[in-house]
Amino acid sequence: MAVNARGRAAAEISETVRAFDRLAPRYDALWSGELVRAMRARVHGALARALAPGARVLEIGCGSGIDTAWLAARGGRVVAADPSAGMLERARARVDAGRTGCAVRFVCCGLDALDRHLGSCRFDAIVSNFGALNCVPRLDALGRLAAARLEPGGRVFVCLMSRVCLWEIGWFLLKGDPRAAFRRLRPSPVGVDVEGIVVPTWYHRVGDVARAVAPWLAVRAVTGCGVVLPPPYLEDGWRAVPVPIRRAAAAADAALARLAPFNRMGDHVLVELVARDGGGAR
């Protein structure tokens, strides 16, 4: 049974990589609207407050390299990992086009295999943005990686697709589709269509994250992304909303981003973690 479980896991990873390889040419076009930019700005704001220029950062699930290029532009020394070769190709091109002069090393692998590619590297922060770790069933490997690789005082920032998204529930209920409204609450993994391929997706709760990394890390802050603002897949309709209403919604979104329980009910949630003893690697 253990062999079969490993085989199923390998097949799931293979299908996920194939889906994102197929998505890679269209990814930036899909993730470039006002709603995505607002969420990314919130994540970047948290990183900018925590990371000094020149920080050494390990990025898990770098995708097409938008965050990689932003980190490099701030002088960061980045190791960026993603299991999709198609995504890494675009990330390299984006960083090269930015000509920051900062060191970025790319690694083609996922979370579970990442440590073996890092040599003696240590980091000031570990970052994973926009749901890359929703493709991973267990997050204890993240805690082990942080314990081994973080410098004293280092931080971990994980932005995940939330378990509960109020906008999504309300939107699909209004459309008469309760299955879609509550899909994130179904037992994991939930099959999500990505470019015609069903990708197993785990909608981790903040509590799930905390328990998985509890031996090594503790939750420091929880910030909602897209609490009042709708999910990015509603971008086309959102652009038709009058600008004053959109600005008011953005202001309300910022006001509720750190306020419980709303901070856990957006489209995404940013979880900031610190080492339990305040230190880093041992």
C-alpha atoms as a PDB file:
ATOM      1  CA  MET A   1       0.000   0.000   0.000  1.00  0.00           C
ATOM      2  CA  ALA A   2       2.877   2.341   0.756  1.00  0.00           C
ATOM      3  CA  VAL A   3       4.268   1.702  -2.709  1.00  0.00           C
ATOM      4  CA  ASN A   4       0.850   2.385  -4.255  1.00  0.00           C
ATOM      5  CA  ALA A   5       0.524   5.615  -2.258  1.00  0.00           C
ATOM      6  CA  ARG A   6       3.939   6.759  -3.452  1.00  0.00           C
ATOM      7  CA  GLY A   7       2.970   5.877  -6.995  1.00  0.00           C
ATOM      8  CA  ARG A   8      -0.253   7.877  -6.770  1.00  0.00           C
ATOM      9  CA  ALA A   9       1.621  10.842  -5.308  1.00  0.00           C
ATOM     10  CA  ALA A  10       4.184  10.719  -8.123  1.00  0.00           C
ATOM     11  CA  ALA A  11       1.399  10.563 -10.711  1.00  0.00           C
ATOM     12  CA  GLU A  12      -0.360  13.542  -9.126  1.00  0.00           C
ATOM     13  CA  ILE A  13       2.864  15.572  -9.148  1.00  0.00           C
ATOM     14  CA  SER A  14       3.479  14.634 -12.774  1.00  0.00           C
ATOM     15  CA  GLU A  15      -0.015  15.754 -13.811  1.00  0.00           C
ATOM     16  CA  THR A  16       0.328  19.002 -11.854  1.00  0.00           C
ATOM     17  CA  VAL A  17       3.648  19.785 -13.535  1.00  0.00           C
ATOM     18  CA  ARG A  18       2.175  18.964 -16.946  1.00  0.00           C
ATOM     19  CA  ALA A  19      -0.758  21.312 -16.277  1.00  0.00           C
ATOM     20  CA  PHE A  20       1.460  24.237 -15.303  1.00  0.00           C
ATOM     21  CA  ASP A  21       3.830  23.613 -18.199  1.00  0.00           C
ATOM     22  CA  ARG A  22       0.788  23.921 -20.446  1.00  0.00           C
ATOM     23  CA  LEU A  23      -0.443  27.027 -18.602  1.00  0.00           C
ATOM     24  CA  ALA A  24       2.931  28.803 -18.611  1.00  0.00           C
ATOM     25  CA  PRO A  25       2.541  30.695 -21.926  1.00  0.00           C
ATOM     26  CA  ARG A  26      -0.785  32.208 -20.769  1.00  0.00           C
ATOM     27  CA  TYR A  27      -0.072  32.578 -17.057  1.00  0.00           C
ATOM     28  CA  ASP A  28       1.011  36.228 -17.042  1.00  0.00           C
ATOM     29  CA  ALA A  29      -1.935  37.302 -19.185  1.00  0.00           C
ATOM     30  CA  LEU A  30      -4.333  35.595 -16.775  1.00  0.00           C
ATOM     31  CA  TRP A  31      -2.604  37.003 -13.684  1.00  0.00           C
ATOM     32  CA  SER A  32      -2.051  40.629 -14.590  1.00  0.00           C
ATOM     33  CA  GLY A  33      -5.333  42.359 -13.724  1.00  0.00           C
ATOM     34  CA  GLU A  34      -6.189  44.929 -11.073  1.00  0.00           C
ATOM     35  CA  LEU A  35      -7.357  42.319  -8.546  1.00  0.00           C
ATOM     36  CA  VAL A  36      -4.161  40.268  -8.787  1.00  0.00           C
ATOM     37  CA  ARG A  37      -2.038  43.414  -8.569  1.00  0.00           C
ATOM     38  CA  ALA A  38      -3.827  44.422  -5.361  1.00  0.00           C
ATOM     39  CA  MET A  39      -3.144  41.043  -3.754  1.00  0.00           C
ATOM     40  CA  ARG A  40       0.459  40.985  -4.910  1.00  0.00           C
ATOM     41  CA  ALA A  41       1.001  44.515  -3.549  1.00  0.00           C
ATOM     42  CA  ARG A  42      -0.194  43.328  -0.124  1.00  0.00           C
ATOM     43  CA  VAL A  43       2.273  40.443  -0.146  1.00  0.00           C
ATOM     44  CA  HIS A  44       5.102  42.660  -1.370  1.00  0.00           C
ATOM     45  CA  GLY A  45       4.298  45.214   1.326  1.00  0.00           C
ATOM     46  CA  ALA A  46       4.667  42.555   4.026  1.00  0.00           C
ATOM     47  CA  LEU A  47       7.942  41.347   2.512  1.00  0.00           C
ATOM     48  CA  ALA A  48       9.323  44.877   2.172  1.00  0.00           C
ATOM     49  CA  ARG A  49       8.637  45.572   5.855  1.00  0.00           C
ATOM     50  CA  ALA A  50      10.369  42.374   6.960  1.00  0.00           C
ATOM     51  CA  LEU A  51      13.305  42.018   4.559  1.00  0.00           C
ATOM     52  CA  ALA A  52      16.304  44.281   4.338  1.00  0.00           C
ATOM     53  CA  PRO A  53      17.682  45.038   0.860  1.00  0.00           C
ATOM     54  CA  GLY A  54      20.089  42.303  -0.136  1.00  0.00           C
ATOM     55  CA  ALA A  55      18.293  39.610   1.887  1.00  0.00           C
ATOM     56  CA  ARG A  56      18.896  36.000   0.931  1.00  0.00           C
ATOM     57  CA  VAL A  57      15.559  34.483  -0.062  1.00  0.00           C
ATOM     58  CA  LEU A  58      14.430  30.980  -0.931  1.00  0.00           C
ATOM     59  CA  GLU A  59      11.329  31.120  -3.132  1.00  0.00           C
ATOM     60  CA  ILE A  60       9.166  27.996  -3.401  1.00  0.00           C
ATOM     61  CA  GLY A  61       6.954  27.835  -6.473  1.00  0.00           C
ATOM     62  CA  CYS A  62       8.305  30.883  -8.289  1.00  0.00           C
ATOM     63  CA  GLY A  63       6.010  30.436 -11.300  1.00  0.00           C
ATOM     64  CA  SER A  64       6.756  32.928 -14.066  1.00  0.00           C
ATOM     65  CA  GLY A  65       9.118  34.899 -11.833  1.00  0.00           C
ATOM     66  CA  ILE A  66       7.141  38.049 -11.003  1.00  0.00           C
ATOM     67  CA  ASP A  67       8.035  37.874  -7.317  1.00  0.00           C
ATOM     68  CA  THR A  68      11.535  36.634  -8.153  1.00  0.00           C
ATOM     69  CA  ALA A  69      12.204  39.719 -10.265  1.00  0.00           C
ATOM     70  CA  TRP A  70      10.757  41.989  -7.552  1.00  0.00           C
ATOM     71  CA  LEU A  71      13.023  40.434  -4.917  1.00  0.00           C
ATOM     72  CA  ALA A  72      16.049  40.711  -7.210  1.00  0.00           C
ATOM     73  CA  ALA A  73      15.254  44.360  -7.988  1.00  0.00           C
ATOM     74  CA  ARG A  74      15.479  45.068  -4.251  1.00  0.00           C
ATOM     75  CA  GLY A  75      18.956  43.572  -4.216  1.00  0.00           C
ATOM     76  CA  GLY A  76      17.899  40.177  -2.953  1.00  0.00           C
ATOM     77  CA  ARG A  77      19.995  37.086  -3.528  1.00  0.00           C
ATOM     78  CA  VAL A  78      17.389  34.543  -4.545  1.00  0.00           C
ATOM     79  CA  VAL A  79      17.148  30.808  -5.046  1.00  0.00           C
ATOM     80  CA  ALA A  80      13.887  30.300  -6.956  1.00  0.00           C
ATOM     81  CA  ALA A  81      12.389  26.823  -7.280  1.00  0.00           C
ATOM     82  CA  ASP A  82       9.495  25.463  -9.327  1.00  0.00           C
ATOM     83  CA  PRO A  83       8.803  21.955 -10.617  1.00  0.00           C
ATOM     84  CA  SER A  84       7.479  23.315 -13.935  1.00  0.00           C
ATOM     85  CA  ALA A  85      10.228  23.766 -16.521  1.00  0.00           C
ATOM     86  CA  GLY A  86       7.860  25.917 -18.583  1.00  0.00           C
ATOM     87  CA  MET A  87       7.366  28.331 -15.719  1.00  0.00           C
ATOM     88  CA  LEU A  88      11.096  28.433 -14.947  1.00  0.00           C
ATOM     89  CA  GLU A  89      11.875  29.310 -18.559  1.00  0.00           C
ATOM     90  CA  ARG A  90       9.672  32.403 -18.258  1.00  0.00           C
ATOM     91  CA  ALA A  91      11.045  33.266 -14.839  1.00  0.00           C
ATOM     92  CA  ARG A  92      14.607  33.234 -16.163  1.00  0.00           C
ATOM     93  CA  ALA A  93      13.623  35.432 -19.108  1.00  0.00           C
ATOM     94  CA  ARG A  94      11.893  37.927 -16.794  1.00  0.00           C
ATOM     95  CA  VAL A  95      14.858  38.180 -14.434  1.00  0.00           C
ATOM     96  CA  ASP A  96      17.305  38.502 -17.334  1.00  0.00           C
ATOM     97  CA  ALA A  97      15.183  41.261 -18.873  1.00  0.00           C
ATOM     98  CA  GLY A  98      15.201  43.121 -15.549  1.00  0.00           C
ATOM     99  CA  ARG A  99      19.013  43.284 -15.576  1.00  0.00           C
ATOM    100  CA  THR A 100      19.179  43.840 -11.835  1.00  0.00           C
ATOM    101  CA  GLY A 101      22.702  42.483 -11.571  1.00  0.00           C
ATOM    102  CA  CYS A 102      21.606  40.473  -8.522  1.00  0.00           C
ATOM    103  CA  ALA A 103      22.219  36.779  -8.132  1.00  0.00           C
ATOM    104  CA  VAL A 104      19.261  34.508  -8.893  1.00  0.00           C
ATOM    105  CA  ARG A 105      19.635  30.745  -9.100  1.00  0.00           C
ATOM    106  CA  PHE A 106      16.807  28.622 -10.463  1.00  0.00           C
ATOM    107  CA  VAL A 107      16.076  25.066  -9.339  1.00  0.00           C
ATOM    108  CA  CYS A 108      13.578  22.784 -11.093  1.00  0.00           C
ATOM    109  CA  CYS A 109      11.917  20.913  -8.231  1.00  0.00           C
ATOM    110  CA  GLY A 110       9.118  21.050  -5.684  1.00  0.00           C
ATOM    111  CA  LEU A 111       9.086  21.413  -1.907  1.00  0.00           C
ATOM    112  CA  ASP A 112       9.865  17.817  -0.939  1.00  0.00           C
ATOM    113  CA  ALA A 113      13.005  17.588  -3.102  1.00  0.00           C
ATOM    114  CA  LEU A 114      14.264  21.124  -2.549  1.00  0.00           C
ATOM    115  CA  ASP A 115      16.651  20.679   0.375  1.00  0.00           C
ATOM    116  CA  ARG A 116      18.959  18.337  -1.542  1.00  0.00           C
ATOM    117  CA  HIS A 117      19.568  21.076  -4.164  1.00  0.00           C
ATOM    118  CA  LEU A 118      20.632  23.786  -1.704  1.00  0.00           C
ATOM    119  CA  GLY A 119      24.138  22.707  -0.695  1.00  0.00           C
ATOM    120  CA  SER A 120      25.220  24.822   2.271  1.00  0.00           C
ATOM    121  CA  CYS A 121      22.887  27.758   1.484  1.00  0.00           C
ATOM    122  CA  ARG A 122      21.210  29.622   4.334  1.00  0.00           C
ATOM    123  CA  PHE A 123      18.453  32.210   3.985  1.00  0.00           C
ATOM    124  CA  ASP A 124      16.961  35.245   5.685  1.00  0.00           C
ATOM    125  CA  ALA A 125      13.492  34.312   4.444  1.00  0.00           C
ATOM    126  CA  ILE A 126      11.504  31.580   2.731  1.00  0.00           C
ATOM    127  CA  VAL A 127       8.687  32.812   0.487  1.00  0.00           C
ATOM    128  CA  SER A 128       5.905  31.003  -1.372  1.00  0.00           C
ATOM    129  CA  ASN A 129       3.252  33.131  -3.047  1.00  0.00           C
ATOM    130  CA  PHE A 130      -0.170  32.651  -4.652  1.00  0.00           C
ATOM    131  CA  GLY A 131      -1.047  29.097  -3.802  1.00  0.00           C
ATOM    132  CA  ALA A 132       2.048  27.196  -4.905  1.00  0.00           C
ATOM    133  CA  LEU A 133       1.812  25.135  -1.702  1.00  0.00           C
ATOM    134  CA  ASN A 134      -1.864  24.360  -2.318  1.00  0.00           C
ATOM    135  CA  CYS A 135      -0.438  21.742  -4.693  1.00  0.00           C
ATOM    136  CA  VAL A 136       1.272  20.023  -1.737  1.00  0.00           C
ATOM    137  CA  PRO A 137      -0.712  17.687   0.558  1.00  0.00           C
ATOM    138  CA  ARG A 138       1.507  18.111   3.634  1.00  0.00           C
ATOM    139  CA  LEU A 139       3.496  21.114   4.820  1.00  0.00           C
ATOM    140  CA  ASP A 140       5.732  19.541   7.461  1.00  0.00           C
ATOM    141  CA  ALA A 141       8.570  19.583   4.899  1.00  0.00           C
ATOM    142  CA  LEU A 142       8.315  23.369   4.982  1.00  0.00           C
ATOM    143  CA  GLY A 143       8.980  23.378   8.719  1.00  0.00           C
ATOM    144  CA  ARG A 144      11.957  21.052   8.371  1.00  0.00           C
ATOM    145  CA  LEU A 145      13.358  23.180   5.559  1.00  0.00           C
ATOM    146  CA  ALA A 146      13.036  26.325   7.665  1.00  0.00           C
ATOM    147  CA  ALA A 147      14.697  24.674  10.648  1.00  0.00           C
ATOM    148  CA  ALA A 148      17.647  23.637   8.491  1.00  0.00           C
ATOM    149  CA  ARG A 149      18.013  26.690   6.276  1.00  0.00           C
ATOM    150  CA  LEU A 150      16.826  29.864   8.036  1.00  0.00           C
ATOM    151  CA  GLU A 151      19.272  32.265   9.609  1.00  0.00           C
ATOM    152  CA  PRO A 152      18.492  33.411  13.180  1.00  0.00           C
ATOM    153  CA  GLY A 153      15.614  35.877  13.044  1.00  0.00           C
ATOM    154  CA  GLY A 154      14.520  34.636   9.622  1.00  0.00           C
ATOM    155  CA  ARG A 155      10.889  34.550   8.512  1.00  0.00           C
ATOM    156  CA  VAL A 156       8.642  32.360   6.387  1.00  0.00           C
ATOM    157  CA  PHE A 157       5.875  33.887   4.240  1.00  0.00           C
ATOM    158  CA  VAL A 158       3.290  31.556   2.717  1.00  0.00           C
ATOM    159  CA  CYS A 159       0.402  32.904   0.625  1.00  0.00           C
ATOM    160  CA  LEU A 160      -2.244  30.220   0.104  1.00  0.00           C
ATOM    161  CA  MET A 161      -5.658  29.930  -1.482  1.00  0.00           C
ATOM    162  CA  SER A 162      -7.944  30.146   1.536  1.00  0.00           C
ATOM    163  CA  ARG A 163     -10.156  27.378   2.833  1.00  0.00           C
ATOM    164  CA  VAL A 164     -13.092  29.816   3.039  1.00  0.00           C
ATOM    165  CA  CYS A 165     -13.623  32.588   0.487  1.00  0.00           C
ATOM    166  CA  LEU A 166     -16.723  34.651   1.274  1.00  0.00           C
ATOM    167  CA  TRP A 167     -16.836  36.196  -2.185  1.00  0.00           C
ATOM    168  CA  GLU A 168     -16.694  32.813  -3.894  1.00  0.00           C
ATOM    169  CA  ILE A 169     -19.423  31.353  -1.709  1.00  0.00           C
ATOM    170  CA  GLY A 170     -21.748  34.303  -2.286  1.00  0.00           C
ATOM    171  CA  TRP A 171     -21.023  34.550  -6.021  1.00  0.00           C
ATOM    172  CA  PHE A 172     -21.727  30.925  -6.850  1.00  0.00           C
ATOM    173  CA  LEU A 173     -24.771  30.728  -4.572  1.00  0.00           C
ATOM    174  CA  LEU A 174     -26.239  33.680  -6.483  1.00  0.00           C
ATOM    175  CA  LYS A 175     -25.560  31.751  -9.681  1.00  0.00           C
ATOM    176  CA  GLY A 176     -27.335  28.703  -8.253  1.00  0.00           C
ATOM    177  CA  ASP A 177     -24.204  26.555  -8.069  1.00  0.00           C
ATOM    178  CA  PRO A 178     -23.737  25.409  -4.444  1.00  0.00           C
ATOM    179  CA  ARG A 179     -21.181  22.774  -5.455  1.00  0.00           C
ATOM    180  CA  ALA A 180     -18.841  25.477  -6.759  1.00  0.00           C
ATOM    181  CA  ALA A 181     -19.708  27.763  -3.836  1.00  0.00           C
ATOM    182  CA  PHE A 182     -18.449  25.275  -1.259  1.00  0.00           C
ATOM    183  CA  ARG A 183     -15.812  23.448  -3.294  1.00  0.00           C
ATOM    184  CA  ARG A 184     -12.969  24.570  -1.020  1.00  0.00           C
ATOM    185  CA  LEU A 185     -14.694  22.949   1.963  1.00  0.00           C
ATOM    186  CA  ARG A 186     -14.891  19.521   0.349  1.00  0.00           C
ATOM    187  CA  PRO A 187     -12.482  16.830   1.576  1.00  0.00           C
ATOM    188  CA  SER A 188      -9.025  17.322   0.077  1.00  0.00           C
ATOM    189  CA  PRO A 189      -7.708  16.958  -2.480  1.00  0.00           C
ATOM    190  CA  VAL A 190     -10.167  18.872  -4.628  1.00  0.00           C
ATOM    191  CA  GLY A 191      -9.750  18.443  -8.371  1.00  0.00           C
ATOM    192  CA  VAL A 192      -9.234  21.801 -10.092  1.00  0.00           C
ATOM    193  CA  ASP A 193      -9.162  22.133 -13.864  1.00  0.00           C
ATOM    194  CA  VAL A 194      -5.931  23.734 -15.079  1.00  0.00           C
ATOM    195  CA  GLU A 195      -5.678  23.867 -18.867  1.00  0.00           C
ATOM    196  CA  GLY A 196      -7.848  20.763 -19.225  1.00  0.00           C
ATOM    197  CA  ILE A 197      -5.900  18.749 -16.645  1.00  0.00           C
ATOM    198  CA  VAL A 198      -7.368  17.957 -13.238  1.00  0.00           C
ATOM    199  CA  VAL A 199      -4.895  19.158 -10.607  1.00  0.00           C
ATOM    200  CA  PRO A 200      -5.297  17.849  -7.035  1.00  0.00           C
ATOM    201  CA  THR A 201      -5.536  20.867  -4.735  1.00  0.00           C
ATOM    202  CA  TRP A 202      -5.372  21.075  -0.947  1.00  0.00           C
ATOM    203  CA  TYR A 203      -7.122  24.084   0.625  1.00  0.00           C
ATOM    204  CA  HIS A 204      -5.075  24.275   3.824  1.00  0.00           C
ATOM    205  CA  ARG A 205      -6.543  26.109   6.811  1.00  0.00           C
ATOM    206  CA  VAL A 206      -4.270  28.441   8.751  1.00  0.00           C
ATOM    207  CA  GLY A 207      -4.604  25.963  11.610  1.00  0.00           C
ATOM    208  CA  ASP A 208      -3.470  23.141   9.305  1.00  0.00           C
ATOM    209  CA  VAL A 209      -0.368  25.145   8.445  1.00  0.00           C
ATOM    210  CA  ALA A 210       0.321  25.908  12.110  1.00  0.00           C
ATOM    211  CA  ARG A 211       0.009  22.249  13.132  1.00  0.00           C
ATOM    212  CA  ALA A 212       2.146  20.986  10.257  1.00  0.00           C
ATOM    213  CA  VAL A 213       5.080  23.261  11.119  1.00  0.00           C
ATOM    214  CA  ALA A 214       4.490  23.395  14.903  1.00  0.00           C
ATOM    215  CA  PRO A 215       7.737  21.656  15.921  1.00  0.00           C
ATOM    216  CA  TRP A 216       9.740  24.366  14.160  1.00  0.00           C
ATOM    217  CA  LEU A 217       7.633  27.465  13.436  1.00  0.00           C
ATOM    218  CA  ALA A 218       4.878  29.568  14.975  1.00  0.00           C
ATOM    219  CA  VAL A 219       2.352  31.832  13.271  1.00  0.00           C
ATOM    220  CA  ARG A 220       3.258  35.513  13.713  1.00  0.00           C
ATOM    221  CA  ALA A 221       0.640  37.214  11.516  1.00  0.00           C
ATOM    222  CA  VAL A 222      -2.293  36.338   9.252  1.00  0.00           C
ATOM    223  CA  THR A 223      -3.283  38.743   6.478  1.00  0.00           C
ATOM    224  CA  GLY A 224      -6.199  38.348   4.094  1.00  0.00           C
ATOM    225  CA  CYS A 225      -5.824  39.023   0.362  1.00  0.00           C
ATOM    226  CA  GLY A 226      -9.096  39.625  -1.440  1.00  0.00           C
ATOM    227  CA  VAL A 227     -11.433  39.867   1.549  1.00  0.00           C
ATOM    228  CA  VAL A 228     -13.688  42.592   0.120  1.00  0.00           C
ATOM    229  CA  LEU A 229     -12.229  42.559  -3.383  1.00  0.00           C
ATOM    230  CA  PRO A 230     -13.473  39.644  -5.530  1.00  0.00           C
ATOM    231  CA  PRO A 231     -11.310  36.736  -6.720  1.00  0.00           C
ATOM    232  CA  PRO A 232      -9.178  37.369  -9.822  1.00  0.00           C
ATOM    233  CA  TYR A 233     -11.342  35.151 -12.029  1.00  0.00           C
ATOM    234  CA  LEU A 234     -14.003  37.891 -11.773  1.00  0.00           C
ATOM    235  CA  GLU A 235     -11.633  40.524 -13.186  1.00  0.00           C
ATOM    236  CA  ASP A 236     -13.624  41.168 -16.366  1.00  0.00           C
ATOM    237  CA  GLY A 237     -16.791  42.018 -14.467  1.00  0.00           C
ATOM    238  CA  TRP A 238     -14.863  44.015 -11.874  1.00  0.00           C
ATOM    239  CA  ARG A 239     -13.522  46.375 -14.527  1.00  0.00           C
ATOM    240  CA  ALA A 240     -17.103  47.355 -15.353  1.00  0.00           C
ATOM    241  CA  VAL A 241     -17.714  48.559 -11.769  1.00  0.00           C
ATOM    242  CA  PRO A 242     -17.434  52.374 -11.371  1.00  0.00           C
ATOM    243  CA  VAL A 243     -13.991  53.510 -10.219  1.00  0.00           C
ATOM    244  CA  PRO A 244     -15.204  55.161  -6.944  1.00  0.00           C
ATOM    245  CA  ILE A 245     -16.804  51.874  -5.870  1.00  0.00           C
ATOM    246  CA  ARG A 246     -13.663  49.939  -6.732  1.00  0.00           C
ATOM    247  CA  ARG A 247     -11.535  52.361  -4.726  1.00  0.00           C
ATOM    248  CA  ALA A 248     -13.895  52.135  -1.744  1.00  0.00           C
ATOM    249  CA  ALA A 249     -13.778  48.334  -1.914  1.00  0.00           C
ATOM    250  CA  ALA A 250      -9.971  48.407  -2.020  1.00  0.00           C
ATOM    251  CA  ALA A 251      -9.894  50.635   1.064  1.00  0.00           C
ATOM    252  CA  ALA A 252     -12.294  48.308   2.910  1.00  0.00           C
ATOM    253  CA  ASP A 253     -10.210  45.329   1.853  1.00  0.00           C
ATOM    254  CA  ALA A 254      -7.089  46.923   3.351  1.00  0.00           C
ATOM    255  CA  ALA A 255      -8.950  47.749   6.574  1.00  0.00           C
ATOM    256  CA  LEU A 256     -10.159  44.157   7.071  1.00  0.00           C
ATOM    257  CA  ALA A 257      -6.975  42.416   5.917  1.00  0.00           C
ATOM    258  CA  ARG A 258      -5.588  41.953   9.447  1.00  0.00           C
ATOM    259  CA  LEU A 259      -8.906  41.796  11.320  1.00  0.00           C
ATOM    260  CA  ALA A 260     -10.048  38.360  12.517  1.00  0.00           C
ATOM    261  CA  PRO A 261     -11.980  36.434  11.333  1.00  0.00           C
ATOM    262  CA  PHE A 262     -12.108  38.274   8.008  1.00  0.00           C
ATOM    263  CA  ASN A 263      -8.359  37.893   7.474  1.00  0.00           C
ATOM    264  CA  ARG A 264      -8.957  34.157   6.906  1.00  0.00           C
ATOM    265  CA  MET A 265     -11.919  34.555   4.536  1.00  0.00           C
ATOM    266  CA  GLY A 266     -10.385  36.158   1.455  1.00  0.00           C
ATOM    267  CA  ASP A 267      -9.462  34.500  -1.807  1.00  0.00           C
ATOM    268  CA  HIS A 268      -5.906  34.086  -0.464  1.00  0.00           C
ATOM    269  CA  VAL A 269      -4.358  34.302   2.976  1.00  0.00           C
ATOM    270  CA  LEU A 270      -0.782  35.337   3.776  1.00  0.00           C
ATOM    271  CA  VAL A 271       0.687  33.499   6.772  1.00  0.00           C
ATOM    272  CA  GLU A 272       3.880  34.848   8.327  1.00  0.00           C
ATOM    273  CA  LEU A 273       5.826  32.366  10.474  1.00  0.00           C
ATOM    274  CA  VAL A 274       8.843  32.629  12.757  1.00  0.00           C
ATOM    275  CA  ALA A 275      11.117  30.072  14.388  1.00  0.00           C
ATOM    276  CA  ARG A 276       9.683  28.976  17.748  1.00  0.00           C
ATOM    277  CA  ASP A 277      12.843  29.813  19.666  1.00  0.00           C
ATOM    278  CA  GLY A 278      13.330  33.065  17.775  1.00  0.00           C
ATOM    279  CA  GLY A 279      16.363  31.597  16.065  1.00  0.00           C
ATOM    280  CA  GLY A 280      17.029  29.916  12.783  1.00  0.00           C
ATOM    281  CA  ALA A 281      18.861  26.811  11.688  1.00  0.00           C
ATOM    282  CA  ARG A 282      20.525  24.478  14.124  1.00  0.00           C
END
